[in-house]
């Protein structure tokens, strides 16, 4: 009627395989999260950084605040000067640029 100690000890076999199968759903969830959330976000961040680094004078840009203007000066401290109207210039942080609307071609040598 009662289990003897010998039967109780023999039933506990396969501990490593049981541990792996219990962690399998966690590993699967992490893999899905990586491919659906983390990887695309890193790709988008990399593309935005490349776009911001390629800004130069004459580009027409859109800021996060919805302001459209033309870049008049690119500073080394992470800011740019944007001409939003005739005689109205605004100093903007480079990382707030959302889109480059019209790209200027580099001057021919």
Protein backbone atom coordinates (compact mmCIF):
# COMPACT_ATOMS: atom_id res chain seq x y z
CA UNK A 1 0.00 0.00 0.00
CA UNK A 2 2.74 2.43 0.86
CA UNK A 3 5.67 3.07 -1.45
CA UNK A 4 8.88 1.64 -0.22
CA UNK A 5 11.99 3.84 -0.18
CA UNK A 6 13.45 1.86 -3.09
CA UNK A 7 10.51 2.68 -5.38
CA UNK A 8 10.56 6.35 -4.35
CA UNK A 9 14.23 6.70 -5.22
CA UNK A 10 13.90 4.96 -8.58
CA UNK A 11 11.04 7.23 -9.70
CA UNK A 12 13.18 10.39 -9.38
CA UNK A 13 15.37 9.58 -12.42
CA UNK A 14 15.68 11.92 -15.44
CA UNK A 15 16.21 15.15 -13.48
CA UNK A 16 18.36 16.84 -16.14
CA UNK A 17 15.90 16.16 -18.93
CA UNK A 18 13.00 17.37 -16.82
CA UNK A 19 14.83 20.58 -15.96
CA UNK A 20 15.57 21.28 -19.63
CA UNK A 21 11.99 20.71 -20.68
CA UNK A 22 10.73 23.01 -17.93
CA UNK A 23 12.99 25.84 -19.19
CA UNK A 24 12.15 25.25 -22.86
CA UNK A 25 9.07 27.55 -22.86
CA UNK A 26 11.13 30.38 -21.34
CA UNK A 27 13.83 29.96 -23.96
CA UNK A 28 11.20 29.90 -26.70
CA UNK A 29 9.51 33.07 -25.38
CA UNK A 30 12.85 34.89 -25.21
CA UNK A 31 13.63 33.87 -28.81
CA UNK A 32 10.28 35.14 -30.03
CA UNK A 33 10.68 38.43 -28.11
CA UNK A 34 14.14 38.91 -29.60
CA UNK A 35 13.02 38.47 -33.20
CA UNK A 36 9.75 40.40 -32.86
CA UNK A 37 10.75 43.29 -30.58
CA UNK A 38 14.44 43.71 -29.84
CA UNK A 39 15.98 43.09 -33.27
CA UNK A 40 13.65 45.43 -35.26
CA UNK A 41 14.12 48.18 -32.67
CA UNK A 42 17.90 47.91 -32.93
CA UNK A 43 17.68 48.03 -36.73
CA UNK A 44 15.47 51.13 -36.62
CA UNK A 45 17.83 52.83 -34.17
CA UNK A 46 20.81 52.06 -36.40
CA UNK A 47 19.05 53.51 -39.48
CA UNK A 48 18.07 56.67 -37.56
CA UNK A 49 21.63 57.17 -36.35
CA UNK A 50 22.96 56.83 -39.91
CA UNK A 51 20.36 59.33 -41.17
CA UNK A 52 21.28 61.86 -38.48
CA UNK A 53 25.01 61.47 -39.14
CA UNK A 54 24.43 62.09 -42.88
CA UNK A 55 22.67 65.44 -42.33
CA UNK A 56 24.28 68.36 -44.13
CA UNK A 57 23.54 71.93 -45.11
CA UNK A 58 20.62 72.31 -47.51
CA UNK A 59 18.66 69.21 -46.42
CA UNK A 60 14.97 69.73 -45.80
CA UNK A 61 14.05 67.99 -42.53
CA UNK A 62 11.04 67.21 -40.34
CA UNK A 63 11.42 67.42 -36.55
CA UNK A 64 9.51 65.47 -33.90
CA UNK A 65 7.52 68.62 -33.17
CA UNK A 66 6.24 68.72 -36.75
CA UNK A 67 8.42 71.62 -37.89
CA UNK A 68 9.65 71.45 -41.48
CA UNK A 69 12.72 73.45 -42.34
CA UNK A 70 16.01 73.60 -44.19
CA UNK A 71 19.31 72.87 -42.46
CA UNK A 72 21.56 75.93 -42.59
CA UNK A 73 24.36 74.85 -40.27
CA UNK A 74 25.47 71.54 -38.69
CA UNK A 75 27.29 71.92 -35.36
CA UNK A 76 29.71 69.40 -33.86
CA UNK A 77 27.97 69.50 -30.46
CA UNK A 78 24.98 67.47 -31.68
CA UNK A 79 22.81 70.38 -32.79
CA UNK A 80 21.80 71.85 -36.13
CA UNK A 81 20.40 75.21 -37.15
CA UNK A 82 17.16 74.93 -39.13
CA UNK A 83 15.65 77.77 -41.16
CA UNK A 84 11.87 77.37 -40.73
CA UNK A 85 10.82 80.63 -42.38
CA UNK A 86 12.54 83.55 -44.02
CA UNK A 87 14.78 85.02 -41.34
CA UNK A 88 13.61 82.57 -38.64
CA UNK A 89 16.28 80.11 -37.53
CA UNK A 90 15.89 77.49 -34.82
CA UNK A 91 18.61 75.48 -33.10
CA UNK A 92 17.52 71.82 -32.93
CA UNK A 93 19.10 68.71 -31.41
CA UNK A 94 20.06 66.26 -34.16
CA UNK A 95 18.33 63.28 -32.56
CA UNK A 96 14.94 65.03 -32.81
CA UNK A 97 15.04 64.85 -36.61
CA UNK A 98 12.44 62.31 -37.73
CA UNK A 99 12.80 62.42 -41.49
CA UNK A 100 14.92 63.96 -44.21
CA UNK A 101 12.39 65.11 -46.80
CA UNK A 102 14.71 66.44 -49.53
CA UNK A 103 18.33 65.40 -49.58
CA UNK A 104 20.89 67.68 -51.21
CA UNK A 105 23.58 66.18 -53.40
CA UNK A 106 27.21 66.76 -52.40
CA UNK A 107 29.05 69.38 -54.39
CA UNK A 108 30.94 68.03 -57.40
CA UNK A 109 34.72 68.28 -57.14
